[in-house]
Full PDB file with SEQRES, HELIX, SHEET, SSBOND, CRYST1, ORIGX, SCALE, CONECT and MASTER records, all heavy atoms in Angstrom:
SEQRES   1 A   30  ALA PHE ASN ILE LEU ASP ALA GLY MET THR ASN PHE ILE          
SEQRES   2 A   30  ASP LYS ILE ASN GLU ILE LYS ASN ALA THR LEU TRP ASP          
SEQRES   3 A   30  GLU ARG ALA ALA                                              
HELIX    1 AA1 PHE A    2  LYS A   20  1                                  19    
HELIX    2 AA2 ALA A   22  ASP A   26  5                                   5    
CRYST1    1.000    1.000    1.000  90.00  90.00  90.00 P 1           1          
ORIGX1      1.000000  0.000000  0.000000        0.00000                         
ORIGX2      0.000000  1.000000  0.000000        0.00000                         
ORIGX3      0.000000  0.000000  1.000000        0.00000                         
SCALE1      1.000000  0.000000  0.000000        0.00000                         
SCALE2      0.000000  1.000000  0.000000        0.00000                         
SCALE3      0.000000  0.000000  1.000000        0.00000                         
ATOM      1  N   ALA A   1       8.691  13.477 -16.502  1.00  0.00           N  
ATOM      2  CA  ALA A   1       7.406  12.765 -16.531  1.00  0.00           C  
ATOM      3  C   ALA A   1       7.554  11.375 -15.919  1.00  0.00           C  
ATOM      4  O   ALA A   1       6.670  10.907 -15.175  1.00  0.00           O  
ATOM      5  CB  ALA A   1       6.904  12.654 -17.974  1.00  0.00           C  
ATOM      6  N   PHE A   2       8.671  10.728 -16.218  1.00  0.00           N  
ATOM      7  CA  PHE A   2       8.901   9.399 -15.648  1.00  0.00           C  
ATOM      8  C   PHE A   2       9.011   9.457 -14.128  1.00  0.00           C  
ATOM      9  O   PHE A   2       8.487   8.591 -13.437  1.00  0.00           O  
ATOM     10  CB  PHE A   2      10.179   8.778 -16.221  1.00  0.00           C  
ATOM     11  CG  PHE A   2      10.549   7.488 -15.554  1.00  0.00           C  
ATOM     12  CD1 PHE A   2       9.956   6.301 -15.932  1.00  0.00           C  
ATOM     13  CD2 PHE A   2      11.467   7.469 -14.501  1.00  0.00           C  
ATOM     14  CE1 PHE A   2      10.275   5.114 -15.289  1.00  0.00           C  
ATOM     15  CE2 PHE A   2      11.789   6.291 -13.861  1.00  0.00           C  
ATOM     16  CZ  PHE A   2      11.184   5.106 -14.255  1.00  0.00           C  
ATOM     17  N   ASN A   3       9.703  10.473 -13.607  1.00  0.00           N  
ATOM     18  CA  ASN A   3       9.867  10.573 -12.153  1.00  0.00           C  
ATOM     19  C   ASN A   3       8.522  10.687 -11.447  1.00  0.00           C  
ATOM     20  O   ASN A   3       8.319  10.109 -10.379  1.00  0.00           O  
ATOM     21  CB  ASN A   3      10.747  11.780 -11.816  1.00  0.00           C  
ATOM     22  CG  ASN A   3      12.206  11.558 -12.181  1.00  0.00           C  
ATOM     23  OD1 ASN A   3      12.651  10.418 -12.311  1.00  0.00           O  
ATOM     24  ND2 ASN A   3      12.944  12.633 -12.357  1.00  0.00           N  
ATOM     25  N   ILE A   4       7.593  11.437 -12.042  1.00  0.00           N  
ATOM     26  CA  ILE A   4       6.253  11.554 -11.468  1.00  0.00           C  
ATOM     27  C   ILE A   4       5.544  10.194 -11.517  1.00  0.00           C  
ATOM     28  O   ILE A   4       4.942   9.755 -10.535  1.00  0.00           O  
ATOM     29  CB  ILE A   4       5.438  12.618 -12.215  1.00  0.00           C  
ATOM     30  CG1 ILE A   4       6.062  14.004 -11.998  1.00  0.00           C  
ATOM     31  CG2 ILE A   4       3.988  12.608 -11.755  1.00  0.00           C  
ATOM     32  CD1 ILE A   4       5.430  15.096 -12.835  1.00  0.00           C  
ATOM     33  N   LEU A   5       5.640   9.535 -12.654  1.00  0.00           N  
ATOM     34  CA  LEU A   5       5.020   8.223 -12.802  1.00  0.00           C  
ATOM     35  C   LEU A   5       5.631   7.220 -11.839  1.00  0.00           C  
ATOM     36  O   LEU A   5       4.919   6.445 -11.173  1.00  0.00           O  
ATOM     37  CB  LEU A   5       5.177   7.735 -14.242  1.00  0.00           C  
ATOM     38  CG  LEU A   5       4.711   6.295 -14.527  1.00  0.00           C  
ATOM     39  CD1 LEU A   5       3.217   6.155 -14.281  1.00  0.00           C  
ATOM     40  CD2 LEU A   5       5.066   5.894 -15.951  1.00  0.00           C  
ATOM     41  N   ASP A   6       6.948   7.238 -11.715  1.00  0.00           N  
ATOM     42  CA  ASP A   6       7.642   6.291 -10.850  1.00  0.00           C  
ATOM     43  C   ASP A   6       7.249   6.491  -9.385  1.00  0.00           C  
ATOM     44  O   ASP A   6       7.051   5.515  -8.651  1.00  0.00           O  
ATOM     45  CB  ASP A   6       9.156   6.471 -11.022  1.00  0.00           C  
ATOM     46  CG  ASP A   6       9.948   5.383 -10.320  1.00  0.00           C  
ATOM     47  OD1 ASP A   6       9.629   4.199 -10.496  1.00  0.00           O  
ATOM     48  OD2 ASP A   6      10.891   5.727  -9.584  1.00  0.00           O  
ATOM     49  N   ALA A   7       7.122   7.752  -8.958  1.00  0.00           N  
ATOM     50  CA  ALA A   7       6.701   8.026  -7.583  1.00  0.00           C  
ATOM     51  C   ALA A   7       5.290   7.505  -7.337  1.00  0.00           C  
ATOM     52  O   ALA A   7       4.994   6.927  -6.275  1.00  0.00           O  
ATOM     53  CB  ALA A   7       6.768   9.524  -7.309  1.00  0.00           C  
ATOM     54  N   GLY A   8       4.415   7.697  -8.326  1.00  0.00           N  
ATOM     55  CA  GLY A   8       3.047   7.183  -8.192  1.00  0.00           C  
ATOM     56  C   GLY A   8       2.998   5.672  -8.115  1.00  0.00           C  
ATOM     57  O   GLY A   8       2.245   5.101  -7.307  1.00  0.00           O  
ATOM     58  N   MET A   9       3.811   4.997  -8.911  1.00  0.00           N  
ATOM     59  CA  MET A   9       3.837   3.535  -8.893  1.00  0.00           C  
ATOM     60  C   MET A   9       4.453   3.012  -7.593  1.00  0.00           C  
ATOM     61  O   MET A   9       4.052   1.958  -7.091  1.00  0.00           O  
ATOM     62  CB  MET A   9       4.614   3.013 -10.098  1.00  0.00           C  
ATOM     63  CG  MET A   9       3.921   3.230 -11.435  1.00  0.00           C  
ATOM     64  SD  MET A   9       2.273   2.472 -11.508  1.00  0.00           S  
ATOM     65  CE  MET A   9       2.670   0.745 -11.245  1.00  0.00           C  
ATOM     66  N   THR A  10       5.421   3.757  -7.045  1.00  0.00           N  
ATOM     67  CA  THR A  10       5.997   3.362  -5.758  1.00  0.00           C  
ATOM     68  C   THR A  10       4.939   3.427  -4.669  1.00  0.00           C  
ATOM     69  O   THR A  10       4.816   2.516  -3.834  1.00  0.00           O  
ATOM     70  CB  THR A  10       7.182   4.271  -5.396  1.00  0.00           C  
ATOM     71  OG1 THR A  10       8.212   4.117  -6.391  1.00  0.00           O  
ATOM     72  CG2 THR A  10       7.753   3.914  -4.035  1.00  0.00           C  
ATOM     73  N   ASN A  11       4.153   4.503  -4.659  1.00  0.00           N  
ATOM     74  CA  ASN A  11       3.056   4.611  -3.691  1.00  0.00           C  
ATOM     75  C   ASN A  11       2.034   3.501  -3.891  1.00  0.00           C  
ATOM     76  O   ASN A  11       1.489   2.962  -2.917  1.00  0.00           O  
ATOM     77  CB  ASN A  11       2.366   5.974  -3.820  1.00  0.00           C  
ATOM     78  CG  ASN A  11       3.235   7.117  -3.333  1.00  0.00           C  
ATOM     79  OD1 ASN A  11       4.125   6.917  -2.510  1.00  0.00           O  
ATOM     80  ND2 ASN A  11       2.988   8.309  -3.840  1.00  0.00           N  
ATOM     81  N   PHE A  12       1.798   3.164  -5.149  1.00  0.00           N  
ATOM     82  CA  PHE A  12       0.808   2.134  -5.469  1.00  0.00           C  
ATOM     83  C   PHE A  12       1.245   0.769  -4.929  1.00  0.00           C  
ATOM     84  O   PHE A  12       0.466   0.071  -4.279  1.00  0.00           O  
ATOM     85  CB  PHE A  12       0.625   2.086  -6.985  1.00  0.00           C  
ATOM     86  CG  PHE A  12      -0.523   1.218  -7.445  1.00  0.00           C  
ATOM     87  CD1 PHE A  12      -1.754   1.269  -6.816  1.00  0.00           C  
ATOM     88  CD2 PHE A  12      -0.359   0.364  -8.524  1.00  0.00           C  
ATOM     89  CE1 PHE A  12      -2.811   0.477  -7.249  1.00  0.00           C  
ATOM     90  CE2 PHE A  12      -1.400  -0.424  -8.967  1.00  0.00           C  
ATOM     91  CZ  PHE A  12      -2.627  -0.375  -8.330  1.00  0.00           C  
ATOM     92  N   ILE A  13       2.493   0.387  -5.184  1.00  0.00           N  
ATOM     93  CA  ILE A  13       2.940  -0.927  -4.712  1.00  0.00           C  
ATOM     94  C   ILE A  13       3.047  -0.947  -3.197  1.00  0.00           C  
ATOM     95  O   ILE A  13       2.788  -1.969  -2.550  1.00  0.00           O  
ATOM     96  CB  ILE A  13       4.284  -1.329  -5.376  1.00  0.00           C  
ATOM     97  CG1 ILE A  13       4.624  -2.804  -5.079  1.00  0.00           C  
ATOM     98  CG2 ILE A  13       5.416  -0.425  -4.935  1.00  0.00           C  
ATOM     99  CD1 ILE A  13       3.578  -3.790  -5.562  1.00  0.00           C  
ATOM    100  N   ASP A  14       3.410   0.190  -2.597  1.00  0.00           N  
ATOM    101  CA  ASP A  14       3.453   0.252  -1.131  1.00  0.00           C  
ATOM    102  C   ASP A  14       2.067   0.021  -0.543  1.00  0.00           C  
ATOM    103  O   ASP A  14       1.913  -0.678   0.469  1.00  0.00           O  
ATOM    104  CB  ASP A  14       3.993   1.610  -0.665  1.00  0.00           C  
ATOM    105  CG  ASP A  14       5.490   1.755  -0.886  1.00  0.00           C  
ATOM    106  OD1 ASP A  14       6.148   0.735  -1.151  1.00  0.00           O  
ATOM    107  OD2 ASP A  14       5.996   2.892  -0.805  1.00  0.00           O  
ATOM    108  N   LYS A  15       1.049   0.612  -1.160  1.00  0.00           N  
ATOM    109  CA  LYS A  15      -0.329   0.435  -0.680  1.00  0.00           C  
ATOM    110  C   LYS A  15      -0.775  -1.013  -0.854  1.00  0.00           C  
ATOM    111  O   LYS A  15      -1.400  -1.587   0.039  1.00  0.00           O  
ATOM    112  CB  LYS A  15      -1.253   1.393  -1.424  1.00  0.00           C  
ATOM    113  CG  LYS A  15      -2.737   1.235  -1.071  1.00  0.00           C  
ATOM    114  CD  LYS A  15      -3.003   1.318   0.416  1.00  0.00           C  
ATOM    115  CE  LYS A  15      -2.586   2.613   1.020  1.00  0.00           C  
ATOM    116  NZ  LYS A  15      -2.918   2.666   2.472  1.00  0.00           N  
ATOM    117  N   ILE A  16      -0.450  -1.614  -1.995  1.00  0.00           N  
ATOM    118  CA  ILE A  16      -0.819  -3.014  -2.225  1.00  0.00           C  
ATOM    119  C   ILE A  16      -0.153  -3.917  -1.188  1.00  0.00           C  
ATOM    120  O   ILE A  16      -0.801  -4.799  -0.608  1.00  0.00           O  
ATOM    121  CB  ILE A  16      -0.415  -3.440  -3.657  1.00  0.00           C  
ATOM    122  CG1 ILE A  16      -1.287  -2.723  -4.690  1.00  0.00           C  
ATOM    123  CG2 ILE A  16      -0.548  -4.962  -3.821  1.00  0.00           C  
ATOM    124  CD1 ILE A  16      -0.844  -2.953  -6.124  1.00  0.00           C  
ATOM    125  N   ASN A  17       1.130  -3.696  -0.941  1.00  0.00           N  
ATOM    126  CA  ASN A  17       1.846  -4.534   0.018  1.00  0.00           C  
ATOM    127  C   ASN A  17       1.347  -4.331   1.440  1.00  0.00           C  
ATOM    128  O   ASN A  17       1.379  -5.254   2.263  1.00  0.00           O  
ATOM    129  CB  ASN A  17       3.346  -4.248  -0.058  1.00  0.00           C  
ATOM    130  CG  ASN A  17       3.983  -4.811  -1.317  1.00  0.00           C  
ATOM    131  OD1 ASN A  17       3.459  -5.758  -1.907  1.00  0.00           O  
ATOM    132  ND2 ASN A  17       5.091  -4.237  -1.743  1.00  0.00           N  
ATOM    133  N   GLU A  18       0.883  -3.127   1.725  1.00  0.00           N  
ATOM    134  CA  GLU A  18       0.305  -2.873   3.043  1.00  0.00           C  
ATOM    135  C   GLU A  18      -1.004  -3.639   3.220  1.00  0.00           C  
ATOM    136  O   GLU A  18      -1.255  -4.237   4.268  1.00  0.00           O  
ATOM    137  CB  GLU A  18       0.047  -1.366   3.194  1.00  0.00           C  
ATOM    138  CG  GLU A  18      -0.666  -0.970   4.474  1.00  0.00           C  
ATOM    139  CD  GLU A  18      -1.063   0.492   4.473  1.00  0.00           C  
ATOM    140  OE1 GLU A  18      -0.259   1.324   4.014  1.00  0.00           O  
ATOM    141  OE2 GLU A  18      -2.181   0.810   4.916  1.00  0.00           O  
ATOM    142  N   ILE A  19      -1.831  -3.652   2.185  1.00  0.00           N  
ATOM    143  CA  ILE A  19      -3.136  -4.306   2.281  1.00  0.00           C  
ATOM    144  C   ILE A  19      -3.020  -5.820   2.202  1.00  0.00           C  
ATOM    145  O   ILE A  19      -3.825  -6.536   2.804  1.00  0.00           O  
ATOM    146  CB  ILE A  19      -4.073  -3.793   1.162  1.00  0.00           C  
ATOM    147  CG1 ILE A  19      -4.276  -2.294   1.295  1.00  0.00           C  
ATOM    148  CG2 ILE A  19      -5.422  -4.494   1.216  1.00  0.00           C  
ATOM    149  CD1 ILE A  19      -5.125  -1.693   0.201  1.00  0.00           C  
ATOM    150  N   LYS A  20      -2.036  -6.320   1.479  1.00  0.00           N  
ATOM    151  CA  LYS A  20      -1.960  -7.773   1.302  1.00  0.00           C  
ATOM    152  C   LYS A  20      -1.639  -8.504   2.596  1.00  0.00           C  
ATOM    153  O   LYS A  20      -1.908  -9.696   2.736  1.00  0.00           O  
ATOM    154  CB  LYS A  20      -0.920  -8.125   0.237  1.00  0.00           C  
ATOM    155  CG  LYS A  20       0.526  -8.091   0.701  1.00  0.00           C  
ATOM    156  CD  LYS A  20       1.475  -8.540  -0.388  1.00  0.00           C  
ATOM    157  CE  LYS A  20       2.923  -8.570   0.104  1.00  0.00           C  
ATOM    158  NZ  LYS A  20       3.864  -8.998  -0.941  1.00  0.00           N  
ATOM    159  N   ASN A  21      -1.078  -7.769   3.565  1.00  0.00           N  
ATOM    160  CA  ASN A  21      -0.734  -8.379   4.853  1.00  0.00           C  
ATOM    161  C   ASN A  21      -1.997  -8.774   5.601  1.00  0.00           C  
ATOM    162  O   ASN A  21      -2.897  -7.965   5.804  1.00  0.00           O  
ATOM    163  CB  ASN A  21       0.085  -7.383   5.683  1.00  0.00           C  
ATOM    164  CG  ASN A  21       0.807  -8.055   6.827  1.00  0.00           C  
ATOM    165  OD1 ASN A  21       0.290  -8.987   7.438  1.00  0.00           O  
ATOM    166  ND2 ASN A  21       1.996  -7.570   7.125  1.00  0.00           N  
ATOM    167  N   ALA A  22      -2.070 -10.007   6.051  1.00  0.00           N  
ATOM    168  CA  ALA A  22      -3.254 -10.506   6.746  1.00  0.00           C  
ATOM    169  C   ALA A  22      -3.512  -9.800   8.067  1.00  0.00           C  
ATOM    170  O   ALA A  22      -4.623  -9.865   8.611  1.00  0.00           O  
ATOM    171  CB  ALA A  22      -3.122 -12.015   6.980  1.00  0.00           C  
ATOM    172  N   THR A  23      -2.498  -9.104   8.596  1.00  0.00           N  
ATOM    173  CA  THR A  23      -2.690  -8.424   9.878  1.00  0.00           C  
ATOM    174  C   THR A  23      -3.735  -7.319   9.792  1.00  0.00           C  
ATOM    175  O   THR A  23      -4.282  -6.904  10.807  1.00  0.00           O  
ATOM    176  CB  THR A  23      -1.363  -7.817  10.381  1.00  0.00           C  
ATOM    177  OG1 THR A  23      -0.848  -6.912   9.390  1.00  0.00           O  
ATOM    178  CG2 THR A  23      -0.334  -8.905  10.644  1.00  0.00           C  
ATOM    179  N   LEU A  24      -4.007  -6.840   8.580  1.00  0.00           N  
ATOM    180  CA  LEU A  24      -5.063  -5.829   8.415  1.00  0.00           C  
ATOM    181  C   LEU A  24      -6.392  -6.343   8.948  1.00  0.00           C  
ATOM    182  O   LEU A  24      -7.187  -5.583   9.502  1.00  0.00           O  
ATOM    183  CB  LEU A  24      -5.191  -5.464   6.925  1.00  0.00           C  
ATOM    184  CG  LEU A  24      -6.314  -4.488   6.553  1.00  0.00           C  
ATOM    185  CD1 LEU A  24      -6.025  -3.107   7.134  1.00  0.00           C  
ATOM    186  CD2 LEU A  24      -6.472  -4.402   5.044  1.00  0.00           C  
ATOM    187  N   TRP A  25      -6.604  -7.642   8.821  1.00  0.00           N  
ATOM    188  CA  TRP A  25      -7.880  -8.234   9.225  1.00  0.00           C  
ATOM    189  C   TRP A  25      -7.897  -8.584  10.712  1.00  0.00           C  
ATOM    190  O   TRP A  25      -8.932  -8.984  11.242  1.00  0.00           O  
ATOM    191  CB  TRP A  25      -8.156  -9.481   8.386  1.00  0.00           C  
ATOM    192  CG  TRP A  25      -8.197  -9.168   6.926  1.00  0.00           C  
ATOM    193  CD1 TRP A  25      -7.123  -9.029   6.090  1.00  0.00           C  
ATOM    194  CD2 TRP A  25      -9.355  -8.911   6.145  1.00  0.00           C  
ATOM    195  NE1 TRP A  25      -7.538  -8.703   4.828  1.00  0.00           N  
ATOM    196  CE2 TRP A  25      -8.910  -8.631   4.824  1.00  0.00           C  
ATOM    197  CE3 TRP A  25     -10.723  -8.909   6.410  1.00  0.00           C  
ATOM    198  CZ2 TRP A  25      -9.786  -8.340   3.790  1.00  0.00           C  
ATOM    199  CZ3 TRP A  25     -11.604  -8.618   5.383  1.00  0.00           C  
ATOM    200  CH2 TRP A  25     -11.135  -8.339   4.093  1.00  0.00           C  
ATOM    201  N   ASP A  26      -6.747  -8.435  11.369  1.00  0.00           N  
ATOM    202  CA  ASP A  26      -6.672  -8.762  12.797  1.00  0.00           C  
ATOM    203  C   ASP A  26      -7.048  -7.589  13.697  1.00  0.00           C  
ATOM    204  O   ASP A  26      -7.207  -7.767  14.908  1.00  0.00           O  
ATOM    205  CB  ASP A  26      -5.240  -9.199  13.164  1.00  0.00           C  
ATOM    206  CG  ASP A  26      -4.852 -10.500  12.491  1.00  0.00           C  
ATOM    207  OD1 ASP A  26      -5.752 -11.279  12.133  1.00  0.00           O  
ATOM    208  OD2 ASP A  26      -3.639 -10.727  12.312  1.00  0.00           O  
ATOM    209  N   GLU A  27      -7.161  -6.392  13.127  1.00  0.00           N  
ATOM    210  CA  GLU A  27      -7.470  -5.220  13.954  1.00  0.00           C  
ATOM    211  C   GLU A  27      -8.855  -5.351  14.566  1.00  0.00           C  
ATOM    212  O   GLU A  27      -9.779  -5.899  13.961  1.00  0.00           O  
ATOM    213  CB  GLU A  27      -7.378  -3.935  13.122  1.00  0.00           C  
ATOM    214  CG  GLU A  27      -5.986  -3.634  12.578  1.00  0.00           C  
ATOM    215  CD  GLU A  27      -4.979  -3.473  13.694  1.00  0.00           C  
ATOM    216  OE1 GLU A  27      -5.297  -2.796  14.690  1.00  0.00           O  
ATOM    217  OE2 GLU A  27      -3.871  -4.034  13.577  1.00  0.00           O  
ATOM    218  N   ARG A  28      -8.992  -4.845  15.779  1.00  0.00           N  
ATOM    219  CA  ARG A  28     -10.246  -4.960  16.513  1.00  0.00           C  
ATOM    220  C   ARG A  28     -10.750  -3.590  16.963  1.00  0.00           C  
ATOM    221  O   ARG A  28      -9.962  -2.665  17.212  1.00  0.00           O  
ATOM    222  CB  ARG A  28     -10.069  -5.847  17.754  1.00  0.00           C  
ATOM    223  CG  ARG A  28      -9.651  -7.283  17.432  1.00  0.00           C  
ATOM    224  CD  ARG A  28     -10.779  -8.044  16.743  1.00  0.00           C  
ATOM    225  NE  ARG A  28     -10.424  -9.432  16.488  1.00  0.00           N  
ATOM    226  CZ  ARG A  28     -10.018  -9.897  15.312  1.00  0.00           C  
ATOM    227  NH1 ARG A  28      -9.907  -9.060  14.272  1.00  0.00           N  
ATOM    228  NH2 ARG A  28      -9.729 -11.170  15.157  1.00  0.00           N  
ATOM    229  N   ALA A  29     -12.056  -3.472  17.082  1.00  0.00           N  
ATOM    230  CA  ALA A  29     -12.689  -2.273  17.619  1.00  0.00           C  
ATOM    231  C   ALA A  29     -13.562  -2.688  18.795  1.00  0.00           C  
ATOM    232  O   ALA A  29     -14.388  -3.594  18.675  1.00  0.00           O  
ATOM    233  CB  ALA A  29     -13.538  -1.596  16.550  1.00  0.00           C  
ATOM    234  N   ALA A  30     -13.330  -2.057  19.950  1.00  0.00           N  
ATOM    235  CA  ALA A  30     -14.139  -2.328  21.144  1.00  0.00           C  
ATOM    236  C   ALA A  30     -15.140  -1.188  21.306  1.00  0.00           C  
ATOM    237  O   ALA A  30     -14.754  -0.022  21.386  1.00  0.00           O  
ATOM    238  CB  ALA A  30     -13.258  -2.452  22.379  1.00  0.00           C  
TER     239      ALA A  30                                                      
MASTER        0    0    0    2    0    0    0    6  238    1    0    3          
END                                                                             
């Protein structure tokens, strides 16, 4: 049960760290 929880939390922190980067706001659409 812990391994499942730990994998989910790893994905969660990875997503947070991906979004916290300001470069997300630099993307452009032409």
